[in-house]
Amino acid sequence: MNRLLILGTCILIFILIVSSSVFYKRSEILAEDKLLMPKGLEGIYLGMSLEELKKIKPNLIRGDVWTDFSLYGEAPFYVEENLKNNFFSLAYYEISNGKLVEIELEKLGPPDFLKSRVPGLIKGCIKKWGSDYRKRIGMVKNEKPLLYPVFSWEKPGAKIIMRYIITSNEKDSPNHFRVFIFKPERELKLDYKDIADQKELKEVFKDIQATETYTGPIFE
């Protein structure tokens, strides 16, 4: 009887240890995901259920389908208007199999206004996600290709891409800021240009230099 009691106790202790380990590991993942989120997305994390999302964001508007990502094909998404963020006014939440798999933040505006805010956007992203970002040249395929900077970060549990397009000819593309936060196994459908040389890369990313002297508001 004593042996059975001791054995049972040992099994119970083992189960508790394993359960605690899983719980804390999951908590670390959630905490890491939440740390990635900009202001206005407090409590949001990738992988949360649609029901959880709606509790935090009760005024979401249902969209039709989302097609920017190839892995999940067409998927439903929800729009949040009047996002409480100092740089972005819209948020899009993509749902796949009942779970949040991608968030896109968007700001549209006149070119002069957006141009004045670019250093604050870059500075805020680097402050939030670090200086270990990858630089790529995005491309809008027109008669004369429109080139724009793409910043990307890879973090535990998420990838982040920030891009902006500012042009005097809005027939090429609407002027905008965008930030994408999505699951690591996904790929964003963007056209990239092969980098010819460091001179071209420096030209496309010339706004980085302005962050050194910029003292205005930064993306939070």
C-alpha atoms as a PDB file:
ATOM      1  CA  MET A   1       0.000   0.000   0.000  1.00  0.00           C
ATOM      2  CA  ASN A   2       2.795   2.420   0.923  1.00  0.00           C
ATOM      3  CA  ARG A   3       4.590   1.591  -2.336  1.00  0.00           C
ATOM      4  CA  LEU A   4       1.440   2.341  -4.335  1.00  0.00           C
ATOM      5  CA  LEU A   5       0.976   5.611  -2.460  1.00  0.00           C
ATOM      6  CA  ILE A   6       4.575   6.634  -3.118  1.00  0.00           C
ATOM      7  CA  LEU A   7       4.274   5.651  -6.783  1.00  0.00           C
ATOM      8  CA  GLY A   8       1.040   7.610  -7.151  1.00  0.00           C
ATOM      9  CA  THR A   9       2.593  10.637  -5.506  1.00  0.00           C
ATOM     10  CA  CYS A  10       5.600  10.486  -7.828  1.00  0.00           C
ATOM     11  CA  ILE A  11       3.356  10.252 -10.902  1.00  0.00           C
ATOM     12  CA  LEU A  12       1.291  13.231  -9.710  1.00  0.00           C
ATOM     13  CA  ILE A  13       4.432  15.295  -9.115  1.00  0.00           C
ATOM     14  CA  PHE A  14       5.712  14.401 -12.599  1.00  0.00           C
ATOM     15  CA  ILE A  15       2.421  15.457 -14.204  1.00  0.00           C
ATOM     16  CA  LEU A  16       2.465  18.752 -12.317  1.00  0.00           C
ATOM     17  CA  ILE A  17       6.051  19.464 -13.396  1.00  0.00           C
ATOM     18  CA  VAL A  18       5.294  18.727 -17.062  1.00  0.00           C
ATOM     19  CA  SER A  19       2.099  20.790 -16.960  1.00  0.00           C
ATOM     20  CA  SER A  20       3.894  23.723 -15.342  1.00  0.00           C
ATOM     21  CA  SER A  21       6.651  23.574 -17.942  1.00  0.00           C
ATOM     22  CA  VAL A  22       4.132  23.665 -20.795  1.00  0.00           C
ATOM     23  CA  PHE A  23       2.207  26.494 -19.138  1.00  0.00           C
ATOM     24  CA  TYR A  24       5.283  28.665 -18.619  1.00  0.00           C
ATOM     25  CA  LYS A  25       6.560  27.969 -22.121  1.00  0.00           C
ATOM     26  CA  ARG A  26       3.203  28.994 -23.565  1.00  0.00           C
ATOM     27  CA  SER A  27       3.174  32.073 -21.338  1.00  0.00           C
ATOM     28  CA  GLU A  28       6.613  33.057 -22.660  1.00  0.00           C
ATOM     29  CA  ILE A  29       5.384  32.732 -26.249  1.00  0.00           C
ATOM     30  CA  LEU A  30       2.310  34.848 -25.560  1.00  0.00           C
ATOM     31  CA  ALA A  31       4.381  37.436 -23.729  1.00  0.00           C
ATOM     32  CA  GLU A  32       6.854  37.597 -26.614  1.00  0.00           C
ATOM     33  CA  ASP A  33       4.065  38.016 -29.147  1.00  0.00           C
ATOM     34  CA  LYS A  34       2.447  40.755 -27.098  1.00  0.00           C
ATOM     35  CA  LEU A  35       5.753  42.609 -26.835  1.00  0.00           C
ATOM     36  CA  LEU A  36       5.826  42.868 -30.613  1.00  0.00           C
ATOM     37  CA  MET A  37       2.545  44.706 -30.793  1.00  0.00           C
ATOM     38  CA  PRO A  38       2.284  48.454 -31.427  1.00  0.00           C
ATOM     39  CA  LYS A  39       0.201  50.841 -29.361  1.00  0.00           C
ATOM     40  CA  GLY A  40      -3.488  50.244 -29.888  1.00  0.00           C
ATOM     41  CA  LEU A  41      -3.017  46.467 -30.066  1.00  0.00           C
ATOM     42  CA  GLU A  42      -2.585  45.833 -26.346  1.00  0.00           C
ATOM     43  CA  GLY A  43      -3.571  42.265 -25.452  1.00  0.00           C
ATOM     44  CA  ILE A  44      -3.479  41.097 -29.084  1.00  0.00           C
ATOM     45  CA  TYR A  45      -1.248  38.171 -30.068  1.00  0.00           C
ATOM     46  CA  LEU A  46      -0.858  35.925 -33.090  1.00  0.00           C
ATOM     47  CA  GLY A  47      -2.665  32.620 -32.636  1.00  0.00           C
ATOM     48  CA  MET A  48      -5.447  34.016 -30.456  1.00  0.00           C
ATOM     49  CA  SER A  49      -8.965  32.908 -31.292  1.00  0.00           C
ATOM     50  CA  LEU A  50     -11.471  35.086 -33.113  1.00  0.00           C
ATOM     51  CA  GLU A  51     -13.624  35.079 -29.969  1.00  0.00           C
ATOM     52  CA  GLU A  52     -10.719  36.431 -27.898  1.00  0.00           C
ATOM     53  CA  LEU A  53     -10.021  39.087 -30.518  1.00  0.00           C
ATOM     54  CA  LYS A  54     -13.642  40.244 -30.559  1.00  0.00           C
ATOM     55  CA  LYS A  55     -13.654  40.612 -26.774  1.00  0.00           C
ATOM     56  CA  ILE A  56     -10.738  43.065 -27.023  1.00  0.00           C
ATOM     57  CA  LYS A  57     -11.925  44.652 -30.279  1.00  0.00           C
ATOM     58  CA  PRO A  58     -15.760  44.527 -30.207  1.00  0.00           C
ATOM     59  CA  ASN A  59     -16.248  46.997 -33.081  1.00  0.00           C
ATOM     60  CA  LEU A  60     -14.517  45.038 -35.837  1.00  0.00           C
ATOM     61  CA  ILE A  61     -16.064  45.091 -39.307  1.00  0.00           C
ATOM     62  CA  ARG A  62     -16.112  41.814 -41.243  1.00  0.00           C
ATOM     63  CA  GLY A  63     -14.410  41.905 -44.663  1.00  0.00           C
ATOM     64  CA  ASP A  64     -14.679  39.391 -47.477  1.00  0.00           C
ATOM     65  CA  VAL A  65     -11.410  37.612 -48.225  1.00  0.00           C
ATOM     66  CA  TRP A  66      -7.721  38.351 -47.864  1.00  0.00           C
ATOM     67  CA  THR A  67      -5.300  37.417 -50.621  1.00  0.00           C
ATOM     68  CA  ASP A  68      -1.934  39.046 -49.837  1.00  0.00           C
ATOM     69  CA  PHE A  69      -0.514  35.798 -48.476  1.00  0.00           C
ATOM     70  CA  SER A  70      -0.076  32.598 -50.481  1.00  0.00           C
ATOM     71  CA  LEU A  71       0.009  29.985 -47.706  1.00  0.00           C
ATOM     72  CA  TYR A  72      -3.618  30.139 -46.591  1.00  0.00           C
ATOM     73  CA  GLY A  73      -5.191  31.368 -49.828  1.00  0.00           C
ATOM     74  CA  GLU A  74      -8.339  33.389 -49.415  1.00  0.00           C
ATOM     75  CA  ALA A  75      -9.181  33.934 -45.750  1.00  0.00           C
ATOM     76  CA  PRO A  76     -11.680  36.137 -43.892  1.00  0.00           C
ATOM     77  CA  PHE A  77     -10.454  39.323 -42.295  1.00  0.00           C
ATOM     78  CA  TYR A  78     -11.761  42.022 -39.962  1.00  0.00           C
ATOM     79  CA  VAL A  79     -11.175  45.769 -40.127  1.00  0.00           C
ATOM     80  CA  GLU A  80     -10.677  48.144 -37.210  1.00  0.00           C
ATOM     81  CA  GLU A  81     -11.282  51.761 -38.121  1.00  0.00           C
ATOM     82  CA  ASN A  82      -9.939  54.617 -36.009  1.00  0.00           C
ATOM     83  CA  LEU A  83      -7.093  52.594 -34.538  1.00  0.00           C
ATOM     84  CA  LYS A  84      -5.699  54.345 -31.467  1.00  0.00           C
ATOM     85  CA  ASN A  85      -2.137  54.619 -32.740  1.00  0.00           C
ATOM     86  CA  ASN A  86      -0.205  57.811 -33.397  1.00  0.00           C
ATOM     87  CA  PHE A  87       0.970  56.724 -36.870  1.00  0.00           C
ATOM     88  CA  PHE A  88      -1.713  54.352 -38.171  1.00  0.00           C
ATOM     89  CA  SER A  89      -5.475  54.725 -38.491  1.00  0.00           C
ATOM     90  CA  LEU A  90      -6.549  51.299 -39.806  1.00  0.00           C
ATOM     91  CA  ALA A  91      -5.865  47.726 -38.727  1.00  0.00           C
ATOM     92  CA  TYR A  92      -6.727  44.541 -40.604  1.00  0.00           C
ATOM     93  CA  TYR A  93      -6.863  41.183 -38.819  1.00  0.00           C
ATOM     94  CA  GLU A  94      -6.726  37.995 -40.877  1.00  0.00           C
ATOM     95  CA  ILE A  95      -8.288  34.846 -39.463  1.00  0.00           C
ATOM     96  CA  SER A  96      -7.437  31.302 -40.582  1.00  0.00           C
ATOM     97  CA  ASN A  97      -9.023  28.226 -38.984  1.00  0.00           C
ATOM     98  CA  GLY A  98     -10.479  30.456 -36.304  1.00  0.00           C
ATOM     99  CA  LYS A  99      -7.090  31.908 -35.302  1.00  0.00           C
ATOM    100  CA  LEU A 100      -5.400  35.267 -35.827  1.00  0.00           C
ATOM    101  CA  VAL A 101      -2.513  34.747 -38.263  1.00  0.00           C
ATOM    102  CA  GLU A 102      -1.752  38.233 -39.575  1.00  0.00           C
ATOM    103  CA  ILE A 103      -2.197  41.907 -38.726  1.00  0.00           C
ATOM    104  CA  GLU A 104      -1.730  44.798 -41.116  1.00  0.00           C
ATOM    105  CA  LEU A 105      -1.568  48.433 -40.065  1.00  0.00           C
ATOM    106  CA  GLU A 106      -2.207  51.090 -42.693  1.00  0.00           C
ATOM    107  CA  LYS A 107      -2.028  54.850 -43.009  1.00  0.00           C
ATOM    108  CA  LEU A 108      -2.994  56.702 -46.190  1.00  0.00           C
ATOM    109  CA  GLY A 109      -2.333  60.387 -46.658  1.00  0.00           C
ATOM    110  CA  PRO A 110      -0.932  63.216 -48.797  1.00  0.00           C
ATOM    111  CA  PRO A 111       2.733  62.796 -49.766  1.00  0.00           C
ATOM    112  CA  ASP A 112       4.071  65.854 -47.927  1.00  0.00           C
ATOM    113  CA  PHE A 113       2.474  64.796 -44.638  1.00  0.00           C
ATOM    114  CA  LEU A 114       3.667  61.199 -44.877  1.00  0.00           C
ATOM    115  CA  LYS A 115       7.143  62.290 -45.966  1.00  0.00           C
ATOM    116  CA  SER A 116       7.494  64.418 -42.829  1.00  0.00           C
ATOM    117  CA  ARG A 117       6.610  61.385 -40.673  1.00  0.00           C
ATOM    118  CA  VAL A 118       8.903  58.820 -42.311  1.00  0.00           C
ATOM    119  CA  PRO A 119      11.868  59.343 -39.917  1.00  0.00           C
ATOM    120  CA  GLY A 120       9.521  58.877 -36.956  1.00  0.00           C
ATOM    121  CA  LEU A 121       8.149  55.679 -38.476  1.00  0.00           C
ATOM    122  CA  ILE A 122      11.627  54.227 -39.043  1.00  0.00           C
ATOM    123  CA  LYS A 123      12.906  55.347 -35.646  1.00  0.00           C
ATOM    124  CA  GLY A 124       9.894  53.890 -33.855  1.00  0.00           C
ATOM    125  CA  CYS A 125      10.155  50.534 -35.627  1.00  0.00           C
ATOM    126  CA  ILE A 126      13.851  50.218 -34.779  1.00  0.00           C
ATOM    127  CA  LYS A 127      13.177  51.168 -31.165  1.00  0.00           C
ATOM    128  CA  LYS A 128      10.416  48.557 -30.931  1.00  0.00           C
ATOM    129  CA  TRP A 129      11.917  45.671 -32.888  1.00  0.00           C
ATOM    130  CA  GLY A 130      15.652  46.339 -32.942  1.00  0.00           C
ATOM    131  CA  SER A 131      18.401  47.333 -35.381  1.00  0.00           C
ATOM    132  CA  ASP A 132      18.873  43.781 -36.684  1.00  0.00           C
ATOM    133  CA  TYR A 133      16.520  44.285 -39.622  1.00  0.00           C
ATOM    134  CA  ARG A 134      16.923  43.198 -43.239  1.00  0.00           C
ATOM    135  CA  LYS A 135      16.773  45.749 -46.059  1.00  0.00           C
ATOM    136  CA  ARG A 136      15.160  44.842 -49.371  1.00  0.00           C
ATOM    137  CA  ILE A 137      14.002  46.915 -52.331  1.00  0.00           C
ATOM    138  CA  GLY A 138      10.319  46.538 -53.111  1.00  0.00           C
ATOM    139  CA  MET A 139       9.026  47.274 -56.582  1.00  0.00           C
ATOM    140  CA  VAL A 140       5.715  48.343 -58.098  1.00  0.00           C
ATOM    141  CA  LYS A 141       5.785  47.070 -61.669  1.00  0.00           C
ATOM    142  CA  ASN A 142       4.803  49.998 -63.899  1.00  0.00           C
ATOM    143  CA  GLU A 143       6.272  51.189 -67.187  1.00  0.00           C
ATOM    144  CA  LYS A 144       8.908  52.782 -65.020  1.00  0.00           C
ATOM    145  CA  PRO A 145       9.211  50.567 -61.889  1.00  0.00           C
ATOM    146  CA  LEU A 146       8.534  52.381 -58.622  1.00  0.00           C
ATOM    147  CA  LEU A 147      11.094  51.346 -55.999  1.00  0.00           C
ATOM    148  CA  TYR A 148      10.493  51.594 -52.260  1.00  0.00           C
ATOM    149  CA  PRO A 149      12.204  50.439 -49.028  1.00  0.00           C
ATOM    150  CA  VAL A 150      11.176  47.282 -47.172  1.00  0.00           C
ATOM    151  CA  PHE A 151      12.357  46.704 -43.600  1.00  0.00           C
ATOM    152  CA  SER A 152      11.888  43.206 -42.145  1.00  0.00           C
ATOM    153  CA  TRP A 153      12.440  41.642 -38.721  1.00  0.00           C
ATOM    154  CA  GLU A 154      12.265  38.017 -37.613  1.00  0.00           C
ATOM    155  CA  LYS A 155      11.292  37.439 -33.986  1.00  0.00           C
ATOM    156  CA  PRO A 156      10.227  34.364 -31.997  1.00  0.00           C
ATOM    157  CA  GLY A 157       6.691  33.635 -33.124  1.00  0.00           C
ATOM    158  CA  ALA A 158       6.397  36.419 -35.697  1.00  0.00           C
ATOM    159  CA  LYS A 159       7.762  38.177 -38.753  1.00  0.00           C
ATOM    160  CA  ILE A 160       7.393  41.915 -39.186  1.00  0.00           C
ATOM    161  CA  ILE A 161       7.567  43.904 -42.423  1.00  0.00           C
ATOM    162  CA  MET A 162       7.392  47.679 -42.664  1.00  0.00           C
ATOM    163  CA  ARG A 163       7.184  49.503 -45.968  1.00  0.00           C
ATOM    164  CA  TYR A 164       6.152  52.902 -47.220  1.00  0.00           C
ATOM    165  CA  ILE A 165       5.469  54.324 -50.656  1.00  0.00           C
ATOM    166  CA  ILE A 166       5.510  58.066 -51.275  1.00  0.00           C
ATOM    167  CA  THR A 167       5.190  59.320 -54.831  1.00  0.00           C
ATOM    168  CA  SER A 168       4.002  62.454 -56.579  1.00  0.00           C
ATOM    169  CA  ASN A 169       2.118  60.292 -59.076  1.00  0.00           C
ATOM    170  CA  GLU A 170      -0.590  58.373 -57.236  1.00  0.00           C
ATOM    171  CA  LYS A 171      -1.447  56.510 -60.442  1.00  0.00           C
ATOM    172  CA  ASP A 172       1.631  54.422 -59.618  1.00  0.00           C
ATOM    173  CA  SER A 173       0.485  53.638 -56.080  1.00  0.00           C
ATOM    174  CA  PRO A 174      -1.448  55.272 -53.230  1.00  0.00           C
ATOM    175  CA  ASN A 175       0.824  57.043 -50.749  1.00  0.00           C
ATOM    176  CA  HIS A 176       0.875  54.972 -47.581  1.00  0.00           C
ATOM    177  CA  PHE A 177       2.629  53.460 -44.575  1.00  0.00           C
ATOM    178  CA  ARG A 178       2.122  49.756 -43.883  1.00  0.00           C
ATOM    179  CA  VAL A 179       3.275  47.365 -41.157  1.00  0.00           C
ATOM    180  CA  PHE A 180       2.608  43.627 -41.401  1.00  0.00           C
ATOM    181  CA  ILE A 181       2.913  41.272 -38.406  1.00  0.00           C
ATOM    182  CA  PHE A 182       2.394  37.622 -39.257  1.00  0.00           C
ATOM    183  CA  LYS A 183       3.176  34.001 -38.419  1.00  0.00           C
ATOM    184  CA  PRO A 184       6.747  32.906 -39.335  1.00  0.00           C
ATOM    185  CA  GLU A 185       5.648  30.177 -41.751  1.00  0.00           C
ATOM    186  CA  ARG A 186       3.896  32.692 -44.009  1.00  0.00           C
ATOM    187  CA  GLU A 187       5.210  34.707 -46.911  1.00  0.00           C
ATOM    188  CA  LEU A 188       4.005  38.152 -47.947  1.00  0.00           C
ATOM    189  CA  LYS A 189       3.393  38.602 -51.670  1.00  0.00           C
ATOM    190  CA  LEU A 190       5.679  41.474 -52.634  1.00  0.00           C
ATOM    191  CA  ASP A 191       7.712  42.061 -55.766  1.00  0.00           C
ATOM    192  CA  TYR A 192      11.376  42.652 -54.973  1.00  0.00           C
ATOM    193  CA  LYS A 193      14.146  44.069 -57.129  1.00  0.00           C
ATOM    194  CA  ASP A 194      17.593  42.539 -57.121  1.00  0.00           C
ATOM    195  CA  ILE A 195      19.968  45.016 -55.525  1.00  0.00           C
ATOM    196  CA  ALA A 196      22.410  46.260 -58.148  1.00  0.00           C
ATOM    197  CA  ASP A 197      24.912  47.799 -55.737  1.00  0.00           C
ATOM    198  CA  GLN A 198      25.262  49.547 -52.396  1.00  0.00           C
ATOM    199  CA  LYS A 199      24.724  52.932 -54.052  1.00  0.00           C
ATOM    200  CA  GLU A 200      21.244  51.905 -55.166  1.00  0.00           C
ATOM    201  CA  LEU A 201      20.450  50.450 -51.738  1.00  0.00           C
ATOM    202  CA  LYS A 202      21.614  53.638 -50.022  1.00  0.00           C
ATOM    203  CA  GLU A 203      19.469  55.763 -52.332  1.00  0.00           C
ATOM    204  CA  VAL A 204      16.282  53.774 -51.659  1.00  0.00           C
ATOM    205  CA  PHE A 205      16.955  53.793 -47.899  1.00  0.00           C
ATOM    206  CA  LYS A 206      18.176  57.406 -47.717  1.00  0.00           C
ATOM    207  CA  ASP A 207      15.484  58.317 -45.154  1.00  0.00           C
ATOM    208  CA  ILE A 208      17.392  56.347 -42.503  1.00  0.00           C
ATOM    209  CA  GLN A 209      19.924  59.187 -42.319  1.00  0.00           C
ATOM    210  CA  ALA A 210      17.187  61.634 -41.323  1.00  0.00           C
ATOM    211  CA  THR A 211      16.458  59.636 -38.149  1.00  0.00           C
ATOM    212  CA  GLU A 212      19.759  60.820 -36.652  1.00  0.00           C
ATOM    213  CA  THR A 213      18.549  64.411 -36.340  1.00  0.00           C
ATOM    214  CA  TYR A 214      14.796  63.806 -36.194  1.00  0.00           C
ATOM    215  CA  THR A 215      13.157  65.012 -32.944  1.00  0.00           C
ATOM    216  CA  GLY A 216       9.461  64.704 -33.776  1.00  0.00           C
ATOM    217  CA  PRO A 217       6.961  62.031 -32.739  1.00  0.00           C
ATOM    218  CA  ILE A 218       7.876  58.383 -33.330  1.00  0.00           C
ATOM    219  CA  PHE A 219       5.752  55.353 -34.099  1.00  0.00           C
ATOM    220  CA  GLU A 220       4.669  53.621 -30.887  1.00  0.00           C
END
